[in-house]
C-alpha atoms as a PDB file:
ATOM      1  CA  MET A   1      46.699   2.608  73.310  1.00  0.00           C
ATOM      2  CA  LYS A   2      49.290   4.855  74.848  1.00  0.00           C
ATOM      3  CA  LEU A   3      52.883   3.591  74.981  1.00  0.00           C
ATOM      4  CA  SER A   4      55.964   4.784  76.796  1.00  0.00           C
ATOM      5  CA  TRP A   5      59.274   3.087  77.427  1.00  0.00           C
ATOM      6  CA  GLU A   6      62.498   3.076  79.364  1.00  0.00           C
ATOM      7  CA  GLU A   7      65.735   1.403  78.361  1.00  0.00           C
ATOM      8  CA  HIS A   8      67.914  -0.272  80.975  1.00  0.00           C
ATOM      9  CA  GLY A   9      70.808  -1.838  79.103  1.00  0.00           C
ATOM     10  CA  PRO A  10      69.610  -5.108  77.607  1.00  0.00           C
ATOM     11  CA  VAL A  11      66.139  -4.690  79.147  1.00  0.00           C
ATOM     12  CA  ALA A  12      63.431  -2.505  77.631  1.00  0.00           C
ATOM     13  CA  LEU A  13      60.474  -1.602  79.803  1.00  0.00           C
ATOM     14  CA  VAL A  14      57.437  -0.899  77.617  1.00  0.00           C
ATOM     15  CA  ILE A  15      54.483   0.600  79.455  1.00  0.00           C
ATOM     16  CA  ALA A  16      51.079   0.290  77.826  1.00  0.00           C
ATOM     17  CA  SER A  17      47.777   1.816  78.863  1.00  0.00           C
ATOM     18  CA  GLY A  18      44.270   1.899  77.469  1.00  0.00           C
ATOM     19  CA  GLU A  19      42.847  -0.537  74.935  1.00  0.00           C
ATOM     20  CA  PHE A  20      45.409  -2.833  73.304  1.00  0.00           C
ATOM     21  CA  ALA A  21      43.794  -3.305  69.912  1.00  0.00           C
ATOM     22  CA  ALA A  22      44.681  -4.070  66.304  1.00  0.00           C
ATOM     23  CA  ASP A  23      44.594  -0.393  65.358  1.00  0.00           C
ATOM     24  CA  SER A  24      47.688   0.236  67.515  1.00  0.00           C
ATOM     25  CA  SER A  25      49.633  -2.725  66.153  1.00  0.00           C
ATOM     26  CA  SER A  26      51.961  -0.893  63.775  1.00  0.00           C
ATOM     27  CA  ASN A  27      52.933   1.685  66.409  1.00  0.00           C
ATOM     28  CA  PHE A  28      53.493  -1.034  69.028  1.00  0.00           C
ATOM     29  CA  ARG A  29      55.681  -3.116  66.711  1.00  0.00           C
ATOM     30  CA  ARG A  30      57.656  -0.055  65.578  1.00  0.00           C
ATOM     31  CA  ILE A  31      58.402   1.005  69.153  1.00  0.00           C
ATOM     32  CA  VAL A  32      59.471  -2.500  70.164  1.00  0.00           C
ATOM     33  CA  ALA A  33      61.590  -2.954  67.018  1.00  0.00           C
ATOM     34  CA  GLU A  34      63.365   0.310  67.857  1.00  0.00           C
ATOM     35  CA  ARG A  35      64.198  -1.066  71.311  1.00  0.00           C
ATOM     36  CA  PHE A  36      65.797  -4.126  69.695  1.00  0.00           C
ATOM     37  CA  GLU A  37      67.741  -1.922  67.271  1.00  0.00           C
ATOM     38  CA  ARG A  38      69.090   0.031  70.249  1.00  0.00           C
ATOM     39  CA  GLY A  39      70.420  -3.164  71.845  1.00  0.00           C
ATOM     40  CA  SER A  40      67.624  -4.397  74.082  1.00  0.00           C
ATOM     41  CA  ARG A  41      67.229  -8.165  74.157  1.00  0.00           C
ATOM     42  CA  ASN A  42      64.685  -8.540  76.942  1.00  0.00           C
ATOM     43  CA  VAL A  43      61.305  -6.851  77.150  1.00  0.00           C
ATOM     44  CA  VAL A  44      59.221  -6.193  80.239  1.00  0.00           C
ATOM     45  CA  LEU A  45      55.744  -5.259  79.034  1.00  0.00           C
ATOM     46  CA  ASP A  46      53.766  -3.494  81.758  1.00  0.00           C
ATOM     47  CA  LEU A  47      50.071  -4.193  81.159  1.00  0.00           C
ATOM     48  CA  THR A  48      48.872  -2.839  84.509  1.00  0.00           C
ATOM     49  CA  ASN A  49      46.758  -0.136  82.863  1.00  0.00           C
ATOM     50  CA  VAL A  50      45.600  -2.043  79.788  1.00  0.00           C
ATOM     51  CA  THR A  51      41.832  -2.374  79.952  1.00  0.00           C
ATOM     52  CA  MET A  52      41.217  -4.646  76.955  1.00  0.00           C
ATOM     53  CA  ALA A  53      43.115  -6.808  74.476  1.00  0.00           C
ATOM     54  CA  ASP A  54      41.632  -7.899  71.151  1.00  0.00           C
ATOM     55  CA  SER A  55      42.849 -10.552  68.716  1.00  0.00           C
ATOM     56  CA  GLY A  56      45.274  -8.057  67.166  1.00  0.00           C
ATOM     57  CA  ALA A  57      46.847  -7.495  70.578  1.00  0.00           C
ATOM     58  CA  LEU A  58      47.238 -11.238  71.067  1.00  0.00           C
ATOM     59  CA  GLU A  59      48.960 -11.461  67.676  1.00  0.00           C
ATOM     60  CA  ASP A  60      51.267  -8.630  68.766  1.00  0.00           C
ATOM     61  CA  LEU A  61      52.126 -10.474  71.978  1.00  0.00           C
ATOM     62  CA  LEU A  62      52.963 -13.623  70.005  1.00  0.00           C
ATOM     63  CA  TRP A  63      55.096 -11.561  67.618  1.00  0.00           C
ATOM     64  CA  LEU A  64      56.894  -9.954  70.556  1.00  0.00           C
ATOM     65  CA  SER A  65      57.541 -13.349  72.128  1.00  0.00           C
ATOM     66  CA  GLU A  66      59.035 -14.616  68.867  1.00  0.00           C
ATOM     67  CA  GLU A  67      61.145 -11.470  68.389  1.00  0.00           C
ATOM     68  CA  THR A  68      62.610 -11.613  71.884  1.00  0.00           C
ATOM     69  CA  ALA A  69      63.476 -15.268  71.357  1.00  0.00           C
ATOM     70  CA  ARG A  70      65.015 -14.442  67.964  1.00  0.00           C
ATOM     71  CA  VAL A  71      67.412 -11.924  69.559  1.00  0.00           C
ATOM     72  CA  GLY A  72      68.254 -14.306  72.404  1.00  0.00           C
ATOM     73  CA  GLY A  73      66.155 -12.547  75.006  1.00  0.00           C
ATOM     74  CA  ALA A  74      63.008 -13.064  77.015  1.00  0.00           C
ATOM     75  CA  LEU A  75      59.625 -11.425  77.512  1.00  0.00           C
ATOM     76  CA  ARG A  76      57.823 -10.798  80.778  1.00  0.00           C
ATOM     77  CA  LEU A  77      54.286  -9.462  81.114  1.00  0.00           C
ATOM     78  CA  VAL A  78      53.520  -7.370  84.170  1.00  0.00           C
ATOM     79  CA  SER A  79      50.123  -7.437  85.882  1.00  0.00           C
ATOM     80  CA  PRO A  80      47.798  -8.251  83.003  1.00  0.00           C
ATOM     81  CA  GLN A  81      44.321  -7.186  84.099  1.00  0.00           C
ATOM     82  CA  PRO A  82      41.482  -9.758  84.340  1.00  0.00           C
ATOM     83  CA  THR A  83      40.161  -9.028  80.838  1.00  0.00           C
ATOM     84  CA  VAL A  84      43.613  -9.554  79.326  1.00  0.00           C
ATOM     85  CA  ARG A  85      44.224 -12.702  81.391  1.00  0.00           C
ATOM     86  CA  GLU A  86      40.854 -14.036  80.257  1.00  0.00           C
ATOM     87  CA  ALA A  87      41.682 -13.367  76.580  1.00  0.00           C
ATOM     88  CA  LEU A  88      44.952 -15.269  77.021  1.00  0.00           C
ATOM     89  CA  ARG A  89      43.184 -18.127  78.825  1.00  0.00           C
ATOM     90  CA  VAL A  90      40.346 -18.479  76.305  1.00  0.00           C
ATOM     91  CA  THR A  91      42.779 -18.570  73.395  1.00  0.00           C
ATOM     92  CA  ARG A  92      45.020 -21.038  75.250  1.00  0.00           C
ATOM     93  CA  LEU A  93      47.945 -18.625  75.110  1.00  0.00           C
ATOM     94  CA  SER A  94      48.412 -18.074  78.835  1.00  0.00           C
ATOM     95  CA  ASP A  95      51.083 -20.796  79.058  1.00  0.00           C
ATOM     96  CA  ARG A  96      53.151 -19.015  76.391  1.00  0.00           C
ATOM     97  CA  PHE A  97      53.812 -15.979  78.586  1.00  0.00           C
ATOM     98  CA  GLU A  98      55.543 -15.520  81.916  1.00  0.00           C
ATOM     99  CA  CYS A  99      53.832 -12.964  84.112  1.00  0.00           C
ATOM    100  CA  ALA A 100      55.021 -11.027  87.136  1.00  0.00           C
ATOM    101  CA  GLU A 101      53.118  -8.930  89.637  1.00  0.00           C
ATOM    102  CA  SER A 102      55.497  -5.973  89.398  1.00  0.00           C
ATOM    103  CA  VAL A 103      58.069  -4.459  87.063  1.00  0.00           C
ATOM    104  CA  GLU A 104      60.754  -5.109  89.682  1.00  0.00           C
ATOM    105  CA  LEU A 105      59.921  -8.825  89.918  1.00  0.00           C
ATOM    106  CA  ALA A 106      59.812  -9.129  86.142  1.00  0.00           C
ATOM    107  CA  ALA A 107      63.218  -7.445  85.786  1.00  0.00           C
ATOM    108  CA  ARG A 108      64.718  -9.634  88.521  1.00  0.00           C
ATOM    109  CA  SER A 109      63.499 -12.766  86.772  1.00  0.00           C
ATOM    110  CA  LEU A 110      65.534 -11.783  83.692  1.00  0.00           C
ATOM    111  CA  ARG A 111      68.866 -11.759  85.507  1.00  0.00           C
END
């Protein structure tokens, strides 16, 4: 999975693309932890270009949800594709995550 990010004060935008799988877990967690260390409390995770999410990815999403709550922030997922939405639905995790159709809407919901 390819990751990039932008920092906007207390909000970190993390942009993911490709396959979100267990083999990218350590890199994903390191990048997000660095955002928290730099002062971000809220995370907008753009999943628009993520084509697949395995069980490791779901564990990473749960970890990220817990970490944002721990620092007093919130997590928003942006445009999870049908395969990702289905993985969340099948594992009964879809209710644990707030989703938005765009980065702008996700960021607005954090204000």
